Amino acid sequence: MSDQVQTCPGDAEVALHFARLRPRGDAWRNGGFDALDGSTMGGFFAALGEGAGPTARRLCDLTDEFFCSTAAETLDLWAAEYGVPDGCDPFEAVCDKVNAVGDSTTAYAEAAALRRGWSVAIVEEFIVVTQDAGYGRRCYGAGVYGAQQGVAWRATVDLSLSPAYVAVEGRPPLYGVHLYGDALNCPPDIEPLRCLLRRIAPAHADLILTTIN
């Protein structure tokens, strides 16, 4: 079965819809017939169609605005509702955010970072605190799991494969300004990536970023 494209009604179609609301009886049927062309009653309903047609078509157009993928006139309202654009958000387009299905997983975070121009490998670590428990003359090790600070995301960023990274301009130290212990160059600025990953990583996980190349 072929897909049918739904079109909004024209003035004549709206007039016909109004005419179909007539009560029963010959008095409302143009002398006993349903034909409206050329009759005074037909002109009356045609005038109603011309007046109500534009409103009916605007209401019909509004149906598409209920879905972000088909919206055209209200995309700014969709963006305001979902807080787009946002430099820390994993999604650049508002409809991508509306239709997104994801989770707080490393694979999902790596894919989101790649879409924004960052090449990153993330390893999730679970920290287990081991305590000794005594029973009689024997000592057993007891693992304590689920501590709030017991999860860490270690992300390694390959700067050479990250087009989103903009290298910091290297300058020689200035006399009278540079102090002993100061670094000669500023570290790579990857705060946009950190902000992005913080949106996806579990709230209780520590986020640790390192760079290579």
C-alpha atoms as a PDB file:
ATOM      1  CA  MET A   1       0.000   0.000   0.000  1.00  0.00           C
ATOM      2  CA  SER A   2       1.517   3.307  -1.067  1.00  0.00           C
ATOM      3  CA  ASP A   3       1.973   6.119   1.416  1.00  0.00           C
ATOM      4  CA  GLN A   4      -0.558   8.906   1.064  1.00  0.00           C
ATOM      5  CA  VAL A   5       0.501  12.493   1.617  1.00  0.00           C
ATOM      6  CA  GLN A   6      -1.920  14.389   3.795  1.00  0.00           C
ATOM      7  CA  THR A   7      -2.755  17.832   2.410  1.00  0.00           C
ATOM      8  CA  CYS A   8      -4.511  20.681   4.127  1.00  0.00           C
ATOM      9  CA  PRO A   9      -8.057  21.471   2.877  1.00  0.00           C
ATOM     10  CA  GLY A  10      -8.768  24.217   0.368  1.00  0.00           C
ATOM     11  CA  ASP A  11     -11.614  26.710   0.623  1.00  0.00           C
ATOM     12  CA  ALA A  12     -13.964  24.535  -1.454  1.00  0.00           C
ATOM     13  CA  GLU A  13     -13.318  21.503   0.739  1.00  0.00           C
ATOM     14  CA  VAL A  14     -13.938  23.513   3.892  1.00  0.00           C
ATOM     15  CA  ALA A  15     -17.195  24.814   2.368  1.00  0.00           C
ATOM     16  CA  LEU A  16     -18.271  21.247   1.648  1.00  0.00           C
ATOM     17  CA  HIS A  17     -17.565  20.235   5.241  1.00  0.00           C
ATOM     18  CA  PHE A  18     -19.806  23.051   6.445  1.00  0.00           C
ATOM     19  CA  ALA A  19     -22.534  22.023   3.998  1.00  0.00           C
ATOM     20  CA  ARG A  20     -22.491  18.488   5.352  1.00  0.00           C
ATOM     21  CA  LEU A  21     -23.502  19.856   8.735  1.00  0.00           C
ATOM     22  CA  ARG A  22     -26.916  20.929   7.408  1.00  0.00           C
ATOM     23  CA  PRO A  23     -29.953  19.490   9.169  1.00  0.00           C
ATOM     24  CA  ARG A  24     -32.118  16.933   7.443  1.00  0.00           C
ATOM     25  CA  GLY A  25     -35.042  18.025   5.371  1.00  0.00           C
ATOM     26  CA  ASP A  26     -35.805  19.441   1.946  1.00  0.00           C
ATOM     27  CA  ALA A  27     -35.616  23.001   3.227  1.00  0.00           C
ATOM     28  CA  TRP A  28     -31.877  22.560   3.700  1.00  0.00           C
ATOM     29  CA  ARG A  29     -31.271  20.499   0.584  1.00  0.00           C
ATOM     30  CA  ASN A  30     -31.633  23.081  -2.156  1.00  0.00           C
ATOM     31  CA  GLY A  31     -35.069  22.008  -3.269  1.00  0.00           C
ATOM     32  CA  GLY A  32     -34.504  18.383  -2.302  1.00  0.00           C
ATOM     33  CA  PHE A  33     -31.115  17.979  -3.967  1.00  0.00           C
ATOM     34  CA  ASP A  34     -27.639  18.026  -2.431  1.00  0.00           C
ATOM     35  CA  ALA A  35     -26.134  20.017  -5.288  1.00  0.00           C
ATOM     36  CA  LEU A  36     -24.803  23.419  -4.229  1.00  0.00           C
ATOM     37  CA  ASP A  37     -23.266  24.761  -7.432  1.00  0.00           C
ATOM     38  CA  GLY A  38     -25.094  27.800  -8.721  1.00  0.00           C
ATOM     39  CA  SER A  39     -27.495  28.053  -5.775  1.00  0.00           C
ATOM     40  CA  THR A  40     -27.876  30.771  -3.179  1.00  0.00           C
ATOM     41  CA  MET A  41     -27.178  28.231  -0.467  1.00  0.00           C
ATOM     42  CA  GLY A  42     -24.058  27.141  -2.317  1.00  0.00           C
ATOM     43  CA  GLY A  43     -22.833  30.733  -2.386  1.00  0.00           C
ATOM     44  CA  PHE A  44     -23.434  30.990   1.358  1.00  0.00           C
ATOM     45  CA  PHE A  45     -21.310  27.958   2.126  1.00  0.00           C
ATOM     46  CA  ALA A  46     -18.667  29.063  -0.359  1.00  0.00           C
ATOM     47  CA  ALA A  47     -18.375  32.324   1.573  1.00  0.00           C
ATOM     48  CA  LEU A  48     -17.968  30.365   4.788  1.00  0.00           C
ATOM     49  CA  GLY A  49     -15.211  28.326   3.139  1.00  0.00           C
ATOM     50  CA  GLU A  50     -13.362  31.468   2.053  1.00  0.00           C
ATOM     51  CA  GLY A  51     -13.564  32.891   5.560  1.00  0.00           C
ATOM     52  CA  ALA A  52     -12.687  29.745   7.502  1.00  0.00           C
ATOM     53  CA  GLY A  53     -10.322  28.143   4.984  1.00  0.00           C
ATOM     54  CA  PRO A  54      -7.164  30.036   6.014  1.00  0.00           C
ATOM     55  CA  THR A  55      -7.774  29.211   9.690  1.00  0.00           C
ATOM     56  CA  ALA A  56      -8.376  25.542   8.873  1.00  0.00           C
ATOM     57  CA  ARG A  57      -5.135  25.395   6.914  1.00  0.00           C
ATOM     58  CA  ARG A  58      -3.168  27.026   9.753  1.00  0.00           C
ATOM     59  CA  LEU A  59      -4.563  24.442  12.165  1.00  0.00           C
ATOM     60  CA  CYS A  60      -3.617  21.730   9.697  1.00  0.00           C
ATOM     61  CA  ASP A  61      -0.074  23.096   9.452  1.00  0.00           C
ATOM     62  CA  LEU A  62       0.144  23.102  13.240  1.00  0.00           C
ATOM     63  CA  THR A  63      -0.096  19.298  13.222  1.00  0.00           C
ATOM     64  CA  ASP A  64       3.426  19.089  11.806  1.00  0.00           C
ATOM     65  CA  GLU A  65       4.716  21.353  14.571  1.00  0.00           C
ATOM     66  CA  PHE A  66       3.854  18.710  17.183  1.00  0.00           C
ATOM     67  CA  PHE A  67       6.846  16.667  15.943  1.00  0.00           C
ATOM     68  CA  CYS A  68      10.344  18.120  15.868  1.00  0.00           C
ATOM     69  CA  SER A  69      11.278  16.145  12.756  1.00  0.00           C
ATOM     70  CA  THR A  70       8.509  17.847  10.731  1.00  0.00           C
ATOM     71  CA  ALA A  71       8.394  21.220  12.480  1.00  0.00           C
ATOM     72  CA  ALA A  72       9.289  24.275  10.447  1.00  0.00           C
ATOM     73  CA  GLU A  73       7.873  27.362  12.125  1.00  0.00           C
ATOM     74  CA  THR A  74       8.367  26.438  15.783  1.00  0.00           C
ATOM     75  CA  LEU A  75      11.935  25.128  15.795  1.00  0.00           C
ATOM     76  CA  ASP A  76      12.948  28.147  17.877  1.00  0.00           C
ATOM     77  CA  LEU A  77      10.394  27.142  20.510  1.00  0.00           C
ATOM     78  CA  TRP A  78      11.669  23.555  20.448  1.00  0.00           C
ATOM     79  CA  ALA A  79      15.217  24.867  20.926  1.00  0.00           C
ATOM     80  CA  ALA A  80      14.178  27.056  23.863  1.00  0.00           C
ATOM     81  CA  GLU A  81      12.306  24.147  25.466  1.00  0.00           C
ATOM     82  CA  TYR A  82      15.291  21.784  25.225  1.00  0.00           C
ATOM     83  CA  GLY A  83      18.001  24.356  25.923  1.00  0.00           C
ATOM     84  CA  VAL A  84      19.710  24.224  22.530  1.00  0.00           C
ATOM     85  CA  PRO A  85      22.277  25.427  21.542  1.00  0.00           C
ATOM     86  CA  ASP A  86      24.477  24.552  24.473  1.00  0.00           C
ATOM     87  CA  GLY A  87      28.231  24.118  24.176  1.00  0.00           C
ATOM     88  CA  CYS A  88      28.218  21.349  26.777  1.00  0.00           C
ATOM     89  CA  ASP A  89      25.389  19.407  25.196  1.00  0.00           C
ATOM     90  CA  PRO A  90      26.120  16.188  23.265  1.00  0.00           C
ATOM     91  CA  PHE A  91      23.730  17.320  20.509  1.00  0.00           C
ATOM     92  CA  GLU A  92      24.179  20.188  18.094  1.00  0.00           C
ATOM     93  CA  ALA A  93      20.681  20.103  16.570  1.00  0.00           C
ATOM     94  CA  VAL A  94      17.526  20.340  18.648  1.00  0.00           C
ATOM     95  CA  CYS A  95      15.801  17.423  16.894  1.00  0.00           C
ATOM     96  CA  ASP A  96      18.812  15.202  17.566  1.00  0.00           C
ATOM     97  CA  LYS A  97      18.336  15.907  21.263  1.00  0.00           C
ATOM     98  CA  VAL A  98      14.563  15.363  21.139  1.00  0.00           C
ATOM     99  CA  ASN A  99      14.912  11.987  19.407  1.00  0.00           C
ATOM    100  CA  ALA A 100      18.044  10.846  21.228  1.00  0.00           C
ATOM    101  CA  VAL A 101      18.158   7.495  22.971  1.00  0.00           C
ATOM    102  CA  GLY A 102      21.262   7.014  25.080  1.00  0.00           C
ATOM    103  CA  ASP A 103      22.624   6.120  28.468  1.00  0.00           C
ATOM    104  CA  SER A 104      25.424   6.979  30.862  1.00  0.00           C
ATOM    105  CA  THR A 105      27.831   4.519  29.264  1.00  0.00           C
ATOM    106  CA  THR A 106      31.366   4.978  28.032  1.00  0.00           C
ATOM    107  CA  ALA A 107      30.481   3.845  24.510  1.00  0.00           C
ATOM    108  CA  TYR A 108      27.708   6.401  24.247  1.00  0.00           C
ATOM    109  CA  ALA A 109      30.008   9.132  25.577  1.00  0.00           C
ATOM    110  CA  GLU A 110      32.766   8.234  23.105  1.00  0.00           C
ATOM    111  CA  ALA A 111      30.301   8.391  20.198  1.00  0.00           C
ATOM    112  CA  ALA A 112      28.924  11.749  21.364  1.00  0.00           C
ATOM    113  CA  ALA A 113      32.439  13.153  21.706  1.00  0.00           C
ATOM    114  CA  LEU A 114      33.368  11.893  18.235  1.00  0.00           C
ATOM    115  CA  ARG A 115      30.377  13.709  16.747  1.00  0.00           C
ATOM    116  CA  ARG A 116      31.700  16.903  18.289  1.00  0.00           C
ATOM    117  CA  GLY A 117      35.210  16.357  16.928  1.00  0.00           C
ATOM    118  CA  TRP A 118      36.957  14.666  19.877  1.00  0.00           C
ATOM    119  CA  SER A 119      38.766  11.328  19.713  1.00  0.00           C
ATOM    120  CA  VAL A 120      38.583   9.876  23.186  1.00  0.00           C
ATOM    121  CA  ALA A 121      38.819   6.427  24.783  1.00  0.00           C
ATOM    122  CA  ILE A 122      37.089   6.042  28.135  1.00  0.00           C
ATOM    123  CA  VAL A 123      37.608   3.347  30.734  1.00  0.00           C
ATOM    124  CA  GLU A 124      35.206   2.981  33.634  1.00  0.00           C
ATOM    125  CA  GLU A 125      36.839   1.948  36.883  1.00  0.00           C
ATOM    126  CA  PHE A 126      35.077   0.656  39.976  1.00  0.00           C
ATOM    127  CA  ILE A 127      36.975   1.265  43.185  1.00  0.00           C
ATOM    128  CA  VAL A 128      36.579  -1.524  45.726  1.00  0.00           C
ATOM    129  CA  VAL A 129      37.449  -0.824  49.331  1.00  0.00           C
ATOM    130  CA  THR A 130      38.659  -4.002  51.066  1.00  0.00           C
ATOM    131  CA  GLN A 131      38.390  -4.351  54.791  1.00  0.00           C
ATOM    132  CA  ASP A 132      39.629  -7.155  57.061  1.00  0.00           C
ATOM    133  CA  ALA A 133      37.073  -9.079  59.062  1.00  0.00           C
ATOM    134  CA  GLY A 134      38.030 -11.460  61.859  1.00  0.00           C
ATOM    135  CA  TYR A 135      36.244 -14.683  62.708  1.00  0.00           C
ATOM    136  CA  GLY A 136      37.765 -16.785  65.418  1.00  0.00           C
ATOM    137  CA  ARG A 137      41.462 -17.078  64.624  1.00  0.00           C
ATOM    138  CA  ARG A 138      40.982 -16.500  60.904  1.00  0.00           C
ATOM    139  CA  CYS A 139      40.975 -13.218  59.010  1.00  0.00           C
ATOM    140  CA  TYR A 140      38.913 -12.742  55.897  1.00  0.00           C
ATOM    141  CA  GLY A 141      38.876  -9.947  53.354  1.00  0.00           C
ATOM    142  CA  ALA A 142      35.527  -8.251  52.911  1.00  0.00           C
ATOM    143  CA  GLY A 143      34.823  -6.165  49.789  1.00  0.00           C
ATOM    144  CA  VAL A 144      32.681  -3.053  50.207  1.00  0.00           C
ATOM    145  CA  TYR A 145      30.958  -2.109  46.933  1.00  0.00           C
ATOM    146  CA  GLY A 146      28.677   0.668  45.795  1.00  0.00           C
ATOM    147  CA  ALA A 147      30.316   3.629  47.477  1.00  0.00           C
ATOM    148  CA  GLN A 148      29.268   6.896  45.868  1.00  0.00           C
ATOM    149  CA  GLN A 149      32.855   7.879  45.125  1.00  0.00           C
ATOM    150  CA  GLY A 150      33.753   4.378  43.966  1.00  0.00           C
ATOM    151  CA  VAL A 151      33.432   5.012  40.219  1.00  0.00           C
ATOM    152  CA  ALA A 152      35.843   6.851  37.941  1.00  0.00           C
ATOM    153  CA  TRP A 153      35.836   7.566  34.211  1.00  0.00           C
ATOM    154  CA  ARG A 154      39.372   7.792  32.822  1.00  0.00           C
ATOM    155  CA  ALA A 155      39.286   9.436  29.422  1.00  0.00           C
ATOM    156  CA  THR A 156      42.327   9.537  27.153  1.00  0.00           C
ATOM    157  CA  VAL A 157      42.085  12.217  24.470  1.00  0.00           C
ATOM    158  CA  ASP A 158      44.087  11.870  21.264  1.00  0.00           C
ATOM    159  CA  LEU A 159      44.661  15.492  20.303  1.00  0.00           C
ATOM    160  CA  SER A 160      46.105  14.627  16.903  1.00  0.00           C
ATOM    161  CA  LEU A 161      42.823  12.940  15.920  1.00  0.00           C
ATOM    162  CA  SER A 162      40.564  15.591  17.463  1.00  0.00           C
ATOM    163  CA  PRO A 163      39.678  18.325  14.952  1.00  0.00           C
ATOM    164  CA  ALA A 164      37.772  20.169  17.666  1.00  0.00           C
ATOM    165  CA  TYR A 165      40.991  20.786  19.579  1.00  0.00           C
ATOM    166  CA  VAL A 166      42.616  24.154  19.018  1.00  0.00           C
ATOM    167  CA  ALA A 167      46.258  24.174  20.108  1.00  0.00           C
ATOM    168  CA  VAL A 168      47.350  26.895  22.495  1.00  0.00           C
ATOM    169  CA  GLU A 169      49.812  29.347  20.977  1.00  0.00           C
ATOM    170  CA  GLY A 170      53.252  28.733  22.454  1.00  0.00           C
ATOM    171  CA  ARG A 171      55.135  31.811  23.594  1.00  0.00           C
ATOM    172  CA  PRO A 172      58.497  32.189  25.351  1.00  0.00           C
ATOM    173  CA  PRO A 173      58.410  33.289  28.998  1.00  0.00           C
ATOM    174  CA  LEU A 174      58.605  37.018  29.668  1.00  0.00           C
ATOM    175  CA  TYR A 175      61.257  38.364  31.990  1.00  0.00           C
ATOM    176  CA  GLY A 176      59.784  39.811  35.118  1.00  0.00           C
ATOM    177  CA  VAL A 177      56.595  37.815  34.705  1.00  0.00           C
ATOM    178  CA  HIS A 178      57.715  34.190  34.635  1.00  0.00           C
ATOM    179  CA  LEU A 179      58.346  32.699  38.056  1.00  0.00           C
ATOM    180  CA  TYR A 180      60.309  29.628  39.049  1.00  0.00           C
ATOM    181  CA  GLY A 181      58.075  26.578  38.924  1.00  0.00           C
ATOM    182  CA  ASP A 182      55.774  28.001  36.241  1.00  0.00           C
ATOM    183  CA  ALA A 183      55.190  25.834  33.159  1.00  0.00           C
ATOM    184  CA  LEU A 184      56.723  27.110  29.959  1.00  0.00           C
ATOM    185  CA  ASN A 185      53.570  26.306  27.987  1.00  0.00           C
ATOM    186  CA  CYS A 186      49.915  26.172  28.937  1.00  0.00           C
ATOM    187  CA  PRO A 187      48.319  22.718  29.084  1.00  0.00           C
ATOM    188  CA  PRO A 188      45.899  21.753  26.295  1.00  0.00           C
ATOM    189  CA  ASP A 189      42.512  23.397  26.653  1.00  0.00           C
ATOM    190  CA  ILE A 190      40.004  20.532  26.566  1.00  0.00           C
ATOM    191  CA  GLU A 191      37.360  22.128  28.778  1.00  0.00           C
ATOM    192  CA  PRO A 192      34.677  21.841  26.036  1.00  0.00           C
ATOM    193  CA  LEU A 193      35.205  18.063  26.050  1.00  0.00           C
ATOM    194  CA  ARG A 194      35.168  17.903  29.834  1.00  0.00           C
ATOM    195  CA  CYS A 195      31.895  19.821  29.885  1.00  0.00           C
ATOM    196  CA  LEU A 196      30.443  17.470  27.270  1.00  0.00           C
ATOM    197  CA  LEU A 197      31.452  14.291  29.103  1.00  0.00           C
ATOM    198  CA  ARG A 198      30.200  15.645  32.401  1.00  0.00           C
ATOM    199  CA  ARG A 199      26.701  15.771  30.900  1.00  0.00           C
ATOM    200  CA  ILE A 200      26.827  12.042  30.086  1.00  0.00           C
ATOM    201  CA  ALA A 201      28.924  10.490  32.839  1.00  0.00           C
ATOM    202  CA  PRO A 202      27.142   9.310  36.000  1.00  0.00           C
ATOM    203  CA  ALA A 203      26.821  12.133  38.495  1.00  0.00           C
ATOM    204  CA  HIS A 204      28.734  10.175  41.166  1.00  0.00           C
ATOM    205  CA  ALA A 205      31.657   9.285  38.876  1.00  0.00           C
ATOM    206  CA  ASP A 206      34.983  11.098  39.011  1.00  0.00           C
ATOM    207  CA  LEU A 207      36.008  12.363  35.566  1.00  0.00           C
ATOM    208  CA  ILE A 208      39.740  12.130  34.886  1.00  0.00           C
ATOM    209  CA  LEU A 209      41.050  13.393  31.519  1.00  0.00           C
ATOM    210  CA  THR A 210      44.513  12.892  30.075  1.00  0.00           C
ATOM    211  CA  THR A 211      45.873  13.861  26.669  1.00  0.00           C
ATOM    212  CA  ILE A 212      48.262  12.216  24.217  1.00  0.00           C
ATOM    213  CA  ASN A 213      49.958  13.416  21.000  1.00  0.00           C
END
